[in-house]
């Protein structure tokens, strides 16, 4: 298993950051990495997620929502093709740093037989996508 992890401190309360994350209909307005999410963000549902990593081809996949803990955590698990080939568990976590500050952590755990083969071509641009999204989320929440 391999993991990508980013974090950013946002000068806004967890509830405000969370409200932006779960308002998926607005992603196209601000999110340069995850440009759309269709479906209900509820445990057990299947989503339709489109990502556009920098300098990479856009991809649409159909993950299952694994966890939604209000103002704290959102997780889903998706696969490229057949489960076990190249799977990604995407995680958003929010941690309160006081009254009006939040640590936003975005990470993804990759597993499957093709991870060692594809890692060097997937990881750098995906990481850059996480960082771009984090910055835009910060800008939007701090208004």
Protein backbone atom coordinates (compact mmCIF):
# COMPACT_ATOMS: atom_id res chain seq x y z
CA UNK A 1 0.00 0.00 0.00
CA UNK A 2 1.13 3.56 -0.76
CA UNK A 3 -0.28 6.82 0.55
CA UNK A 4 -0.36 10.46 -0.48
CA UNK A 5 -1.02 13.03 2.25
CA UNK A 6 -1.39 16.80 2.33
CA UNK A 7 -2.62 19.23 4.93
CA UNK A 8 -3.33 22.93 5.22
CA UNK A 9 -4.41 25.25 8.01
CA UNK A 10 -7.55 27.22 7.22
CA UNK A 11 -8.60 30.29 9.18
CA UNK A 12 -12.25 29.27 9.42
CA UNK A 13 -14.26 26.98 11.73
CA UNK A 14 -14.65 23.28 10.89
CA UNK A 15 -18.34 23.72 10.16
CA UNK A 16 -17.67 26.27 7.43
CA UNK A 17 -14.97 24.14 5.78
CA UNK A 18 -17.26 21.09 6.01
CA UNK A 19 -20.17 22.95 4.44
CA UNK A 20 -18.01 23.73 1.40
CA UNK A 21 -16.81 20.12 1.10
CA UNK A 22 -20.29 18.61 1.17
CA UNK A 23 -21.81 21.18 -1.22
CA UNK A 24 -20.63 19.09 -4.14
CA UNK A 25 -22.83 20.89 -6.66
CA UNK A 26 -20.47 23.86 -6.38
CA UNK A 27 -17.21 22.00 -6.99
CA UNK A 28 -16.91 23.18 -10.59
CA UNK A 29 -16.83 26.79 -9.31
CA UNK A 30 -13.77 26.40 -7.11
CA UNK A 31 -12.21 22.94 -7.13
CA UNK A 32 -9.45 22.45 -9.72
CA UNK A 33 -8.86 18.79 -8.81
CA UNK A 34 -12.21 17.16 -8.02
CA UNK A 35 -14.35 18.95 -10.53
CA UNK A 36 -17.60 17.11 -9.83
CA UNK A 37 -19.22 14.67 -7.44
CA UNK A 38 -22.64 13.25 -8.20
CA UNK A 39 -24.63 11.25 -5.68
CA UNK A 40 -25.48 11.50 -2.02
CA UNK A 41 -22.53 11.66 0.38
CA UNK A 42 -23.95 8.95 2.63
CA UNK A 43 -22.44 5.69 3.84
CA UNK A 44 -23.09 2.88 1.38
CA UNK A 45 -23.99 5.05 -1.60
CA UNK A 46 -22.19 4.97 -4.89
CA UNK A 47 -20.83 8.26 -6.19
CA UNK A 48 -19.67 9.51 -9.56
CA UNK A 49 -16.44 11.48 -9.10
CA UNK A 50 -14.48 13.32 -11.79
CA UNK A 51 -10.90 14.31 -11.08
CA UNK A 52 -8.60 16.43 -13.22
CA UNK A 53 -5.02 16.06 -11.96
CA UNK A 54 -2.61 18.70 -13.32
CA UNK A 55 -0.96 17.64 -16.59
CA UNK A 56 -2.93 14.38 -16.63
CA UNK A 57 -6.02 13.07 -18.33
CA UNK A 58 -9.29 13.61 -16.46
CA UNK A 59 -10.80 10.48 -14.95
CA UNK A 60 -14.29 9.58 -13.79
CA UNK A 61 -14.81 6.74 -11.36
CA UNK A 62 -17.59 5.28 -9.22
CA UNK A 63 -16.48 4.96 -5.59
CA UNK A 64 -18.57 3.84 -2.63
CA UNK A 65 -18.94 6.19 0.33
CA UNK A 66 -17.44 4.46 3.39
CA UNK A 67 -17.77 7.10 6.09
CA UNK A 68 -19.34 10.47 6.75
CA UNK A 69 -18.76 11.93 10.19
CA UNK A 70 -20.21 15.45 10.25
CA UNK A 71 -17.58 18.21 10.28
CA UNK A 72 -14.84 15.59 10.83
CA UNK A 73 -14.32 12.98 8.10
CA UNK A 74 -15.43 11.83 4.66
CA UNK A 75 -14.08 8.65 3.02
CA UNK A 76 -14.77 6.77 -0.18
CA UNK A 77 -13.21 3.80 -1.96
CA UNK A 78 -12.87 3.60 -5.71
CA UNK A 79 -11.27 1.24 -8.16
CA UNK A 80 -9.91 1.51 -11.66
CA UNK A 81 -11.71 -1.32 -13.34
CA UNK A 82 -11.82 -4.45 -11.21
CA UNK A 83 -11.36 -4.16 -7.44
CA UNK A 84 -7.87 -5.18 -6.40
CA UNK A 85 -6.14 -3.90 -9.54
CA UNK A 86 -5.68 -0.24 -8.54
CA UNK A 87 -7.85 0.96 -5.65
CA UNK A 88 -7.88 4.31 -3.91
CA UNK A 89 -9.38 5.17 -0.54
CA UNK A 90 -9.80 8.96 -0.52
CA UNK A 91 -10.05 10.66 2.87
CA UNK A 92 -10.89 14.21 3.93
CA UNK A 93 -10.30 14.97 7.62
CA UNK A 94 -10.95 18.16 9.56
CA UNK A 95 -9.36 18.92 12.93
CA UNK A 96 -10.26 21.94 15.04
CA UNK A 97 -7.30 24.14 15.95
CA UNK A 98 -9.38 26.51 18.05
CA UNK A 99 -12.41 28.72 17.52
CA UNK A 100 -11.75 29.78 13.94
CA UNK A 101 -8.96 27.53 12.66
CA UNK A 102 -9.13 24.12 11.03
CA UNK A 103 -6.50 21.68 9.85
CA UNK A 104 -7.71 20.11 6.61
CA UNK A 105 -6.04 16.82 5.74
CA UNK A 106 -6.51 15.21 2.35
CA UNK A 107 -5.02 11.81 1.74
CA UNK A 108 -5.41 8.72 -0.36
CA UNK A 109 -4.37 5.15 0.32
CA UNK A 110 -3.58 3.20 -2.83
CA UNK A 111 -3.63 -0.59 -3.00
CA UNK A 112 -3.77 -3.25 -5.67
CA UNK A 113 -1.45 -5.22 -7.90
CA UNK A 114 -0.80 -2.33 -10.33
CA UNK A 115 0.17 0.25 -7.69
CA UNK A 116 3.92 -0.47 -7.97
CA UNK A 117 3.75 -0.20 -11.77
CA UNK A 118 1.67 2.99 -11.94
CA UNK A 119 2.84 4.83 -8.82
CA UNK A 120 5.51 7.01 -10.43
CA UNK A 121 3.12 8.17 -13.16
CA UNK A 122 0.13 8.77 -10.85
CA UNK A 123 1.53 10.09 -7.56
CA UNK A 124 3.22 13.40 -8.52
CA UNK A 125 0.27 14.91 -10.42
CA UNK A 126 -2.26 13.59 -7.92
CA UNK A 127 -0.30 15.19 -5.09
CA UNK A 128 -0.21 18.47 -7.01
CA UNK A 129 -3.97 18.18 -7.48
CA UNK A 130 -4.48 17.73 -3.72
CA UNK A 131 -2.36 20.80 -3.03
CA UNK A 132 -4.23 22.93 -5.58
CA UNK A 133 -7.57 21.86 -4.12
CA UNK A 134 -6.38 22.58 -0.58
CA UNK A 135 -5.35 26.12 -1.54
CA UNK A 136 -8.67 26.83 -3.26
CA UNK A 137 -10.62 25.40 -0.32
CA UNK A 138 -8.64 27.67 2.02
CA UNK A 139 -9.34 30.73 -0.15
CA UNK A 140 -13.05 29.93 -0.35
CA UNK A 141 -13.46 29.24 3.39
CA UNK A 142 -11.54 32.30 4.54
CA UNK A 143 -13.83 34.77 2.74
